Amino acid sequence: MNWIRDKHFRILAVLGLTFLSGCKADSSAGAQMPKVVKAASCQSTDKKSSDFWDCEESKKLRFNIFLDPEGLSIKLRDGEFYLSRDLGHLDDPDFQDLLIVSDSLPYLVGLVCSDSLEADKIKTLNEIYADSSAYEMNVRMRRSINEDPNVYEWRVEAENVYSSLNKYCL
């Protein structure tokens, strides 16, 4: 008889645990209304505004600039800047990897201070904003893994770049 009592005790314990584990029925669940997601206003032309970068049309802005002397590549895609450089030919690419962002700063400042996002104008703007040591950008960046292991890449939200570097515009 002990095994019967133990069996009933086990069944009761399993039912009790199931009941207490959070499995609950909510009668109001079917009556809940779906959440309404407010679409971002596409009226904003202020590139340092989150309204501008949340707009689907702004997320479609794309360009790719390859800067020969520095070997830098700056891409704008899906509201993010991708800053990269091919460092596969170097003995110690990790040190040069740290310089990718600072070497990109004059071009990013030129881009932020320009009225347009035309890639050709950015190369010429570097003459005005040439000294990368004069700039500081306090933003979150992510290291990105590239298909080519020799290309080191950093990603940063475009909205944060525009907000952080706007103070350097003449």
N, C-alpha and C. Protein backbone atom coordinates (compact mmCIF):
# COMPACT_ATOMS: atom_id res chain seq x y z
N MET A 1 0.81 -1.20 0.00
CA MET A 1 0.00 0.00 0.00
C MET A 1 0.85 1.26 0.00
N ASN A 2 2.08 1.16 0.45
CA ASN A 2 2.95 2.33 0.47
C ASN A 2 3.19 2.86 -0.94
N TRP A 3 3.37 1.94 -1.91
CA TRP A 3 3.62 2.38 -3.28
C TRP A 3 2.42 3.09 -3.86
N ILE A 4 1.19 2.71 -3.48
CA ILE A 4 -0.01 3.40 -3.96
C ILE A 4 -0.06 4.80 -3.38
N ARG A 5 0.19 4.87 -2.09
CA ARG A 5 0.19 6.17 -1.43
C ARG A 5 1.27 7.06 -2.03
N ASP A 6 2.45 6.51 -2.29
CA ASP A 6 3.54 7.27 -2.88
C ASP A 6 3.19 7.71 -4.30
N LYS A 7 2.51 6.83 -5.04
CA LYS A 7 2.11 7.16 -6.40
C LYS A 7 1.12 8.32 -6.40
N HIS A 8 0.16 8.27 -5.50
CA HIS A 8 -0.81 9.38 -5.39
C HIS A 8 -0.11 10.67 -4.95
N PHE A 9 0.84 10.51 -4.06
CA PHE A 9 1.58 11.67 -3.60
C PHE A 9 2.37 12.29 -4.75
N ARG A 10 2.98 11.45 -5.59
CA ARG A 10 3.75 11.94 -6.73
C ARG A 10 2.84 12.67 -7.73
N ILE A 11 1.69 12.09 -8.01
CA ILE A 11 0.75 12.71 -8.95
C ILE A 11 0.29 14.04 -8.38
N LEU A 12 -0.04 14.08 -7.11
CA LEU A 12 -0.48 15.32 -6.46
C LEU A 12 0.64 16.36 -6.50
N ALA A 13 1.87 15.94 -6.30
CA ALA A 13 3.01 16.86 -6.32
C ALA A 13 3.20 17.44 -7.72
N VAL A 14 3.12 16.60 -8.75
CA VAL A 14 3.27 17.07 -10.12
C VAL A 14 2.16 18.05 -10.48
N LEU A 15 0.92 17.74 -10.11
CA LEU A 15 -0.19 18.65 -10.38
C LEU A 15 -0.02 19.98 -9.64
N GLY A 16 0.44 19.89 -8.41
CA GLY A 16 0.66 21.11 -7.63
C GLY A 16 1.76 21.97 -8.22
N LEU A 17 2.85 21.34 -8.65
CA LEU A 17 3.95 22.09 -9.27
C LEU A 17 3.51 22.72 -10.59
N THR A 18 2.73 21.98 -11.37
CA THR A 18 2.24 22.53 -12.63
C THR A 18 1.37 23.74 -12.37
N PHE A 19 0.51 23.64 -11.38
CA PHE A 19 -0.38 24.75 -11.04
C PHE A 19 0.40 25.96 -10.55
N LEU A 20 1.41 25.73 -9.73
CA LEU A 20 2.18 26.83 -9.15
C LEU A 20 3.27 27.36 -10.07
N SER A 21 3.55 26.69 -11.17
CA SER A 21 4.66 27.09 -12.03
C SER A 21 4.35 28.29 -12.91
N GLY A 22 3.16 28.79 -12.83
CA GLY A 22 2.84 29.98 -13.62
C GLY A 22 1.96 29.69 -14.80
N CYS A 23 1.51 28.49 -14.94
CA CYS A 23 0.58 28.18 -16.02
C CYS A 23 -0.78 28.68 -15.59
N LYS A 24 -1.15 29.81 -16.10
CA LYS A 24 -2.43 30.37 -15.69
C LYS A 24 -3.20 30.83 -16.91
N ALA A 25 -4.47 30.74 -16.81
CA ALA A 25 -5.34 31.17 -17.91
C ALA A 25 -5.84 32.56 -17.59
N ASP A 26 -5.76 33.43 -18.57
CA ASP A 26 -6.22 34.80 -18.40
C ASP A 26 -7.43 35.00 -19.30
N SER A 27 -8.56 35.19 -18.68
CA SER A 27 -9.79 35.33 -19.47
C SER A 27 -9.82 36.63 -20.25
N SER A 28 -9.02 37.61 -19.85
CA SER A 28 -9.02 38.88 -20.56
C SER A 28 -8.03 38.88 -21.72
N ALA A 29 -7.26 37.79 -21.88
CA ALA A 29 -6.23 37.76 -22.93
C ALA A 29 -6.83 37.92 -24.32
N GLY A 30 -7.97 37.32 -24.54
CA GLY A 30 -8.61 37.43 -25.85
C GLY A 30 -9.17 38.81 -26.12
N ALA A 31 -9.43 39.55 -25.06
CA ALA A 31 -10.03 40.87 -25.22
C ALA A 31 -9.00 41.98 -25.36
N GLN A 32 -7.71 41.64 -25.22
CA GLN A 32 -6.68 42.68 -25.31
C GLN A 32 -6.56 43.18 -26.74
N MET A 33 -6.39 44.48 -26.88
CA MET A 33 -6.24 45.10 -28.19
C MET A 33 -4.76 45.03 -28.60
N PRO A 34 -4.48 44.86 -29.87
CA PRO A 34 -3.08 44.88 -30.31
C PRO A 34 -2.47 46.25 -30.08
N LYS A 35 -1.17 46.25 -29.79
CA LYS A 35 -0.47 47.52 -29.55
C LYS A 35 -0.34 48.28 -30.86
N VAL A 36 -0.59 49.55 -30.80
CA VAL A 36 -0.48 50.40 -31.97
C VAL A 36 0.94 50.96 -32.00
N VAL A 37 1.65 50.71 -33.07
CA VAL A 37 3.01 51.22 -33.23
C VAL A 37 2.91 52.51 -34.04
N LYS A 38 3.37 53.58 -33.42
CA LYS A 38 3.32 54.88 -34.09
C LYS A 38 4.44 54.96 -35.12
N ALA A 39 4.09 55.28 -36.34
CA ALA A 39 5.09 55.42 -37.40
C ALA A 39 5.87 56.71 -37.18
N ALA A 40 7.17 56.65 -37.44
CA ALA A 40 8.02 57.82 -37.28
C ALA A 40 7.67 58.85 -38.35
N SER A 41 7.74 60.10 -37.96
CA SER A 41 7.46 61.18 -38.89
C SER A 41 8.59 61.28 -39.90
N CYS A 42 8.23 61.26 -41.17
CA CYS A 42 9.25 61.38 -42.22
C CYS A 42 9.40 62.83 -42.67
N GLN A 43 8.85 63.74 -41.90
CA GLN A 43 8.92 65.15 -42.24
C GLN A 43 10.24 65.78 -41.80
N SER A 44 10.92 65.16 -40.85
CA SER A 44 12.13 65.75 -40.29
C SER A 44 13.28 65.70 -41.30
N THR A 45 13.98 66.81 -41.41
CA THR A 45 15.18 66.86 -42.24
C THR A 45 16.43 67.02 -41.37
N ASP A 46 16.23 67.05 -40.06
CA ASP A 46 17.32 67.20 -39.11
C ASP A 46 17.98 65.84 -38.89
N LYS A 47 19.18 65.66 -39.42
CA LYS A 47 19.84 64.36 -39.37
C LYS A 47 20.31 63.97 -37.97
N LYS A 48 20.30 64.90 -37.04
CA LYS A 48 20.65 64.53 -35.67
C LYS A 48 19.41 64.16 -34.86
N SER A 49 18.27 64.14 -35.51
CA SER A 49 17.01 63.82 -34.85
C SER A 49 16.70 62.33 -34.99
N SER A 50 16.18 61.75 -33.92
CA SER A 50 15.80 60.33 -34.00
C SER A 50 14.62 60.15 -34.95
N ASP A 51 13.77 61.18 -35.11
CA ASP A 51 12.66 61.09 -36.07
C ASP A 51 13.19 60.88 -37.48
N PHE A 52 14.30 61.51 -37.81
CA PHE A 52 14.88 61.35 -39.14
C PHE A 52 15.37 59.91 -39.35
N TRP A 53 16.10 59.36 -38.38
CA TRP A 53 16.71 58.04 -38.54
C TRP A 53 15.73 56.91 -38.30
N ASP A 54 14.61 57.17 -37.62
CA ASP A 54 13.59 56.14 -37.44
C ASP A 54 12.69 56.00 -38.65
N CYS A 55 12.73 56.99 -39.52
CA CYS A 55 11.90 56.98 -40.72
C CYS A 55 12.45 55.94 -41.70
N GLU A 56 11.58 55.15 -42.26
CA GLU A 56 11.99 54.10 -43.20
C GLU A 56 12.73 54.66 -44.41
N GLU A 57 12.33 55.83 -44.88
CA GLU A 57 13.00 56.43 -46.04
C GLU A 57 14.45 56.77 -45.72
N SER A 58 14.71 57.24 -44.50
CA SER A 58 16.07 57.59 -44.11
C SER A 58 16.93 56.34 -43.94
N LYS A 59 16.33 55.26 -43.51
CA LYS A 59 17.08 54.00 -43.36
C LYS A 59 17.52 53.45 -44.70
N LYS A 60 16.89 53.92 -45.78
CA LYS A 60 17.26 53.47 -47.12
C LYS A 60 18.43 54.26 -47.70
N LEU A 61 18.85 55.33 -47.01
CA LEU A 61 20.00 56.10 -47.48
C LEU A 61 21.24 55.21 -47.45
N ARG A 62 21.95 55.18 -48.55
CA ARG A 62 23.14 54.34 -48.65
C ARG A 62 24.22 55.04 -49.45
N PHE A 63 25.45 54.86 -49.03
CA PHE A 63 26.59 55.24 -49.85
C PHE A 63 27.80 54.49 -49.36
N ASN A 64 28.81 54.47 -50.18
CA ASN A 64 30.07 53.82 -49.87
C ASN A 64 31.19 54.70 -50.40
N ILE A 65 32.08 55.12 -49.53
CA ILE A 65 33.21 55.95 -49.91
C ILE A 65 34.48 55.19 -49.61
N PHE A 66 35.33 55.08 -50.59
CA PHE A 66 36.65 54.50 -50.36
C PHE A 66 37.67 55.62 -50.46
N LEU A 67 38.41 55.83 -49.39
CA LEU A 67 39.39 56.92 -49.31
C LEU A 67 40.79 56.33 -49.52
N ASP A 68 41.34 56.51 -50.70
CA ASP A 68 42.58 55.86 -51.11
C ASP A 68 43.78 56.08 -50.19
N PRO A 69 44.18 57.31 -49.91
CA PRO A 69 45.43 57.47 -49.15
C PRO A 69 45.37 56.81 -47.77
N GLU A 70 44.22 56.87 -47.13
CA GLU A 70 44.09 56.30 -45.80
C GLU A 70 43.67 54.84 -45.83
N GLY A 71 43.17 54.37 -46.99
CA GLY A 71 42.68 53.00 -47.09
C GLY A 71 41.39 52.77 -46.33
N LEU A 72 40.71 53.84 -45.99
CA LEU A 72 39.46 53.76 -45.23
C LEU A 72 38.27 53.55 -46.15
N SER A 73 37.27 52.92 -45.61
CA SER A 73 36.00 52.81 -46.28
C SER A 73 34.93 53.25 -45.29
N ILE A 74 34.06 54.16 -45.72
CA ILE A 74 32.95 54.62 -44.89
C ILE A 74 31.68 54.32 -45.64
N LYS A 75 30.84 53.51 -45.02
CA LYS A 75 29.56 53.15 -45.64
C LYS A 75 28.44 53.62 -44.74
N LEU A 76 27.35 54.03 -45.35
CA LEU A 76 26.12 54.31 -44.63
C LEU A 76 25.10 53.30 -45.13
N ARG A 77 24.57 52.52 -44.21
CA ARG A 77 23.60 51.50 -44.58
C ARG A 77 22.67 51.24 -43.40
N ASP A 78 21.38 51.27 -43.64
CA ASP A 78 20.36 50.97 -42.62
C ASP A 78 20.52 51.82 -41.36
N GLY A 79 20.87 53.07 -41.55
CA GLY A 79 20.98 53.98 -40.40
C GLY A 79 22.24 53.81 -39.58
N GLU A 80 23.24 53.11 -40.12
CA GLU A 80 24.50 52.91 -39.41
C GLU A 80 25.68 53.23 -40.32
N PHE A 81 26.72 53.76 -39.71
CA PHE A 81 27.98 53.94 -40.41
C PHE A 81 28.84 52.71 -40.16
N TYR A 82 29.45 52.22 -41.23
CA TYR A 82 30.41 51.13 -41.15
C TYR A 82 31.76 51.72 -41.52
N LEU A 83 32.68 51.71 -40.57
CA LEU A 83 34.01 52.27 -40.77
C LEU A 83 34.99 51.10 -40.86
N SER A 84 35.69 50.98 -41.98
CA SER A 84 36.54 49.80 -42.13
C SER A 84 37.84 50.13 -42.86
N ARG A 85 38.77 49.21 -42.72
CA ARG A 85 40.08 49.32 -43.37
C ARG A 85 40.65 47.91 -43.52
N ASP A 86 41.31 47.67 -44.64
CA ASP A 86 41.99 46.40 -44.88
C ASP A 86 43.34 46.45 -44.18
N LEU A 87 43.52 45.58 -43.19
CA LEU A 87 44.75 45.57 -42.39
C LEU A 87 45.48 44.24 -42.49
N GLY A 88 45.10 43.41 -43.45
CA GLY A 88 45.67 42.07 -43.57
C GLY A 88 47.15 42.06 -43.90
N HIS A 89 47.66 43.13 -44.50
CA HIS A 89 49.07 43.17 -44.90
C HIS A 89 50.00 43.59 -43.76
N LEU A 90 49.46 43.95 -42.61
CA LEU A 90 50.27 44.44 -41.49
C LEU A 90 50.66 43.31 -40.54
N ASP A 91 51.82 43.50 -39.88
CA ASP A 91 52.25 42.52 -38.87
C ASP A 91 51.43 42.63 -37.59
N ASP A 92 51.05 43.86 -37.23
CA ASP A 92 50.26 44.09 -36.00
C ASP A 92 49.00 44.89 -36.35
N PRO A 93 47.98 44.23 -36.89
CA PRO A 93 46.79 44.96 -37.31
C PRO A 93 45.95 45.47 -36.14
N ASP A 94 46.14 44.92 -34.94
CA ASP A 94 45.30 45.33 -33.80
C ASP A 94 45.50 46.79 -33.43
N PHE A 95 46.74 47.27 -33.52
CA PHE A 95 46.99 48.68 -33.20
C PHE A 95 46.33 49.58 -34.25
N GLN A 96 46.49 49.25 -35.51
CA GLN A 96 45.88 50.05 -36.58
C GLN A 96 44.36 49.97 -36.54
N ASP A 97 43.84 48.87 -36.03
CA ASP A 97 42.39 48.73 -35.88
C ASP A 97 41.83 49.82 -34.98
N LEU A 98 42.58 50.16 -33.95
CA LEU A 98 42.14 51.20 -33.03
C LEU A 98 42.11 52.58 -33.69
N LEU A 99 42.87 52.76 -34.76
CA LEU A 99 42.94 54.05 -35.44
C LEU A 99 41.87 54.23 -36.52
N ILE A 100 41.14 53.20 -36.83
CA ILE A 100 40.12 53.31 -37.88
C ILE A 100 39.12 54.40 -37.55
N VAL A 101 38.63 54.41 -36.33
CA VAL A 101 37.60 55.39 -35.94
C VAL A 101 38.18 56.80 -35.92
N SER A 102 39.35 56.97 -35.32
CA SER A 102 39.92 58.32 -35.25
C SER A 102 40.29 58.85 -36.64
N ASP A 103 40.78 57.99 -37.51
CA ASP A 103 41.09 58.42 -38.88
C ASP A 103 39.84 58.76 -39.67
N SER A 104 38.71 58.20 -39.30
CA SER A 104 37.44 58.48 -39.97
C SER A 104 36.78 59.77 -39.49
N LEU A 105 37.18 60.26 -38.32
CA LEU A 105 36.51 61.42 -37.73
C LEU A 105 36.45 62.65 -38.63
N PRO A 106 37.54 63.07 -39.30
CA PRO A 106 37.41 64.26 -40.14
C PRO A 106 36.37 64.09 -41.25
N TYR A 107 36.28 62.90 -41.80
CA TYR A 107 35.29 62.65 -42.86
C TYR A 107 33.88 62.63 -42.29
N LEU A 108 33.73 62.07 -41.10
CA LEU A 108 32.42 62.05 -40.47
C LEU A 108 31.97 63.46 -40.09
N VAL A 109 32.91 64.27 -39.60
CA VAL A 109 32.57 65.66 -39.27
C VAL A 109 32.18 66.40 -40.55
N GLY A 110 32.93 66.19 -41.61
CA GLY A 110 32.57 66.81 -42.88
C GLY A 110 31.20 66.39 -43.35
N LEU A 111 30.88 65.14 -43.15
CA LEU A 111 29.57 64.63 -43.55
C LEU A 111 28.46 65.23 -42.69
N VAL A 112 28.71 65.30 -41.40
CA VAL A 112 27.72 65.86 -40.47
C VAL A 112 27.46 67.33 -40.78
N CYS A 113 28.51 68.05 -41.11
CA CYS A 113 28.38 69.48 -41.34
C CYS A 113 27.93 69.82 -42.76
N SER A 114 27.90 68.84 -43.64
CA SER A 114 27.45 69.07 -45.00
C SER A 114 25.92 69.01 -45.06
N ASP A 115 25.34 69.76 -45.97
CA ASP A 115 23.89 69.73 -46.12
C ASP A 115 23.42 68.47 -46.83
N SER A 116 24.30 67.82 -47.56
CA SER A 116 23.88 66.65 -48.34
C SER A 116 24.64 65.42 -47.87
N LEU A 117 24.24 64.29 -48.40
CA LEU A 117 24.93 63.04 -48.13
C LEU A 117 25.64 62.54 -49.38
N GLU A 118 26.13 63.46 -50.18
CA GLU A 118 26.80 63.07 -51.42
C GLU A 118 28.23 62.65 -51.11
N ALA A 119 28.57 61.46 -51.54
CA ALA A 119 29.87 60.88 -51.23
C ALA A 119 31.03 61.68 -51.81
N ASP A 120 30.87 62.26 -53.00
CA ASP A 120 31.97 63.00 -53.63
C ASP A 120 32.35 64.24 -52.84
N LYS A 121 31.39 64.87 -52.20
CA LYS A 121 31.67 66.09 -51.43
C LYS A 121 32.45 65.77 -50.15
N ILE A 122 32.29 64.58 -49.63
CA ILE A 122 32.94 64.23 -48.37
C ILE A 122 34.45 64.21 -48.52
N LYS A 123 34.94 63.71 -49.63
CA LYS A 123 36.39 63.66 -49.85
C LYS A 123 36.99 65.05 -49.87
N THR A 124 36.30 66.02 -50.45
CA THR A 124 36.83 67.37 -50.51
C THR A 124 36.66 68.11 -49.18
N LEU A 125 35.68 67.72 -48.39
CA LEU A 125 35.48 68.37 -47.10
C LEU A 125 36.60 68.07 -46.11
N ASN A 126 37.34 67.00 -46.34
CA ASN A 126 38.42 66.65 -45.43
C ASN A 126 39.47 67.74 -45.34
N GLU A 127 39.62 68.56 -46.37
CA GLU A 127 40.59 69.66 -46.32
C GLU A 127 40.22 70.67 -45.23
N ILE A 128 38.93 70.86 -45.03
CA ILE A 128 38.47 71.80 -43.99
C ILE A 128 38.63 71.19 -42.60
N TYR A 129 38.31 69.91 -42.48
CA TYR A 129 38.29 69.24 -41.17
C TYR A 129 39.42 68.22 -41.05
N ALA A 130 40.61 68.55 -41.50
CA ALA A 130 41.68 67.57 -41.69
C ALA A 130 42.26 66.96 -40.41
N ASP A 131 42.34 67.66 -39.33
CA ASP A 131 43.04 67.19 -38.14
C ASP A 131 42.15 66.30 -37.29
N SER A 132 42.37 64.99 -37.34
CA SER A 132 41.50 64.06 -36.60
C SER A 132 41.68 64.19 -35.09
N SER A 133 42.83 64.68 -34.63
CA SER A 133 43.04 64.81 -33.19
C SER A 133 42.22 65.94 -32.59
N ALA A 134 41.60 66.77 -33.41
CA ALA A 134 40.80 67.88 -32.91
C ALA A 134 39.38 67.46 -32.55
N TYR A 135 39.02 66.19 -32.83
CA TYR A 135 37.64 65.75 -32.65
C TYR A 135 37.53 64.66 -31.61
N GLU A 136 36.38 64.68 -30.98
CA GLU A 136 36.06 63.65 -30.00
C GLU A 136 34.62 63.24 -30.22
N MET A 137 34.40 61.93 -30.25
CA MET A 137 33.05 61.42 -30.46
C MET A 137 32.75 60.45 -29.33
N ASN A 138 31.74 60.77 -28.55
CA ASN A 138 31.37 59.93 -27.42
C ASN A 138 30.10 59.17 -27.77
N VAL A 139 30.27 58.01 -28.41
CA VAL A 139 29.15 57.19 -28.86
C VAL A 139 29.48 55.72 -28.62
N ARG A 140 28.46 54.92 -28.62
CA ARG A 140 28.66 53.47 -28.54
C ARG A 140 29.00 52.94 -29.92
N MET A 141 30.01 52.10 -29.96
CA MET A 141 30.42 51.49 -31.22
C MET A 141 30.46 49.98 -31.03
N ARG A 142 30.26 49.30 -32.12
CA ARG A 142 30.33 47.84 -32.09
C ARG A 142 31.37 47.36 -33.09
N ARG A 143 32.12 46.39 -32.68
CA ARG A 143 33.08 45.75 -33.58
C ARG A 143 32.28 44.81 -34.44
N SER A 144 32.51 44.84 -35.71
CA SER A 144 31.75 44.04 -36.65
C SER A 144 32.66 42.99 -37.28
N ILE A 145 32.15 41.79 -37.46
CA ILE A 145 32.90 40.73 -38.12
C ILE A 145 32.59 40.82 -39.60
N ASN A 146 33.64 40.93 -40.38
CA ASN A 146 33.50 41.09 -41.82
C ASN A 146 33.72 39.75 -42.51
N GLU A 147 33.20 39.60 -43.72
CA GLU A 147 33.41 38.37 -44.48
C GLU A 147 34.90 38.15 -44.76
N ASP A 148 35.60 39.23 -45.03
CA ASP A 148 37.04 39.17 -45.27
C ASP A 148 37.75 39.35 -43.93
N PRO A 149 38.49 38.35 -43.44
CA PRO A 149 39.13 38.48 -42.12
C PRO A 149 40.22 39.55 -42.07
N ASN A 150 40.66 40.05 -43.23
CA ASN A 150 41.67 41.10 -43.26
C ASN A 150 41.07 42.49 -43.10
N VAL A 151 39.77 42.60 -43.28
CA VAL A 151 39.10 43.90 -43.18
C VAL A 151 38.52 44.05 -41.77
N TYR A 152 38.99 45.06 -41.08
CA TYR A 152 38.53 45.35 -39.73
C TYR A 152 37.46 46.43 -39.82
N GLU A 153 36.36 46.24 -39.09
CA GLU A 153 35.22 47.12 -39.27
C GLU A 153 34.57 47.47 -37.93
N TRP A 154 34.13 48.72 -37.84
CA TRP A 154 33.40 49.23 -36.68
C TRP A 154 32.06 49.77 -37.16
N ARG A 155 31.04 49.62 -36.32
CA ARG A 155 29.70 50.10 -36.64
C ARG A 155 29.24 51.08 -35.58
N VAL A 156 28.57 52.13 -36.05
CA VAL A 156 28.05 53.15 -35.13
C VAL A 156 26.74 53.68 -35.72
N GLU A 157 25.77 53.93 -34.86
CA GLU A 157 24.47 54.46 -35.29
C GLU A 157 24.67 55.86 -35.88
N ALA A 158 24.08 56.10 -37.04
CA ALA A 158 24.23 57.39 -37.72
C ALA A 158 23.64 58.53 -36.87
N GLU A 159 22.54 58.27 -36.22
CA GLU A 159 21.92 59.30 -35.38
C GLU A 159 22.89 59.76 -34.29
N ASN A 160 23.61 58.82 -33.69
CA ASN A 160 24.57 59.17 -32.64
C ASN A 160 25.75 59.95 -33.19
N VAL A 161 26.19 59.61 -34.41
CA VAL A 161 27.29 60.35 -35.05
C VAL A 161 26.87 61.80 -35.27
N TYR A 162 25.68 61.99 -35.82
CA TYR A 162 25.20 63.35 -36.10
C TYR A 162 25.02 64.14 -34.81
N SER A 163 24.50 63.53 -33.78
CA SER A 163 24.30 64.24 -32.51
C SER A 163 25.62 64.60 -31.85
N SER A 164 26.57 63.68 -31.89
CA SER A 164 27.84 63.88 -31.20
C SER A 164 28.78 64.85 -31.92
N LEU A 165 28.79 64.81 -33.25
CA LEU A 165 29.76 65.62 -34.00
C LEU A 165 29.21 66.95 -34.50
N ASN A 166 27.94 67.20 -34.30
CA ASN A 166 27.33 68.44 -34.77
C ASN A 166 27.98 69.69 -34.16
N LYS A 167 28.57 69.58 -33.00
CA LYS A 167 29.19 70.73 -32.33
C LYS A 167 30.42 71.25 -33.07
N TYR A 168 30.97 70.47 -34.01
CA TYR A 168 32.15 70.90 -34.75
C TYR A 168 31.85 71.63 -36.05
N CYS A 169 30.60 71.78 -36.37
CA CYS A 169 30.25 72.48 -37.61
C CYS A 169 30.57 73.95 -37.49
N LEU A 170 31.17 74.51 -38.54
CA LEU A 170 31.59 75.93 -38.53
C LEU A 170 30.42 76.86 -38.58
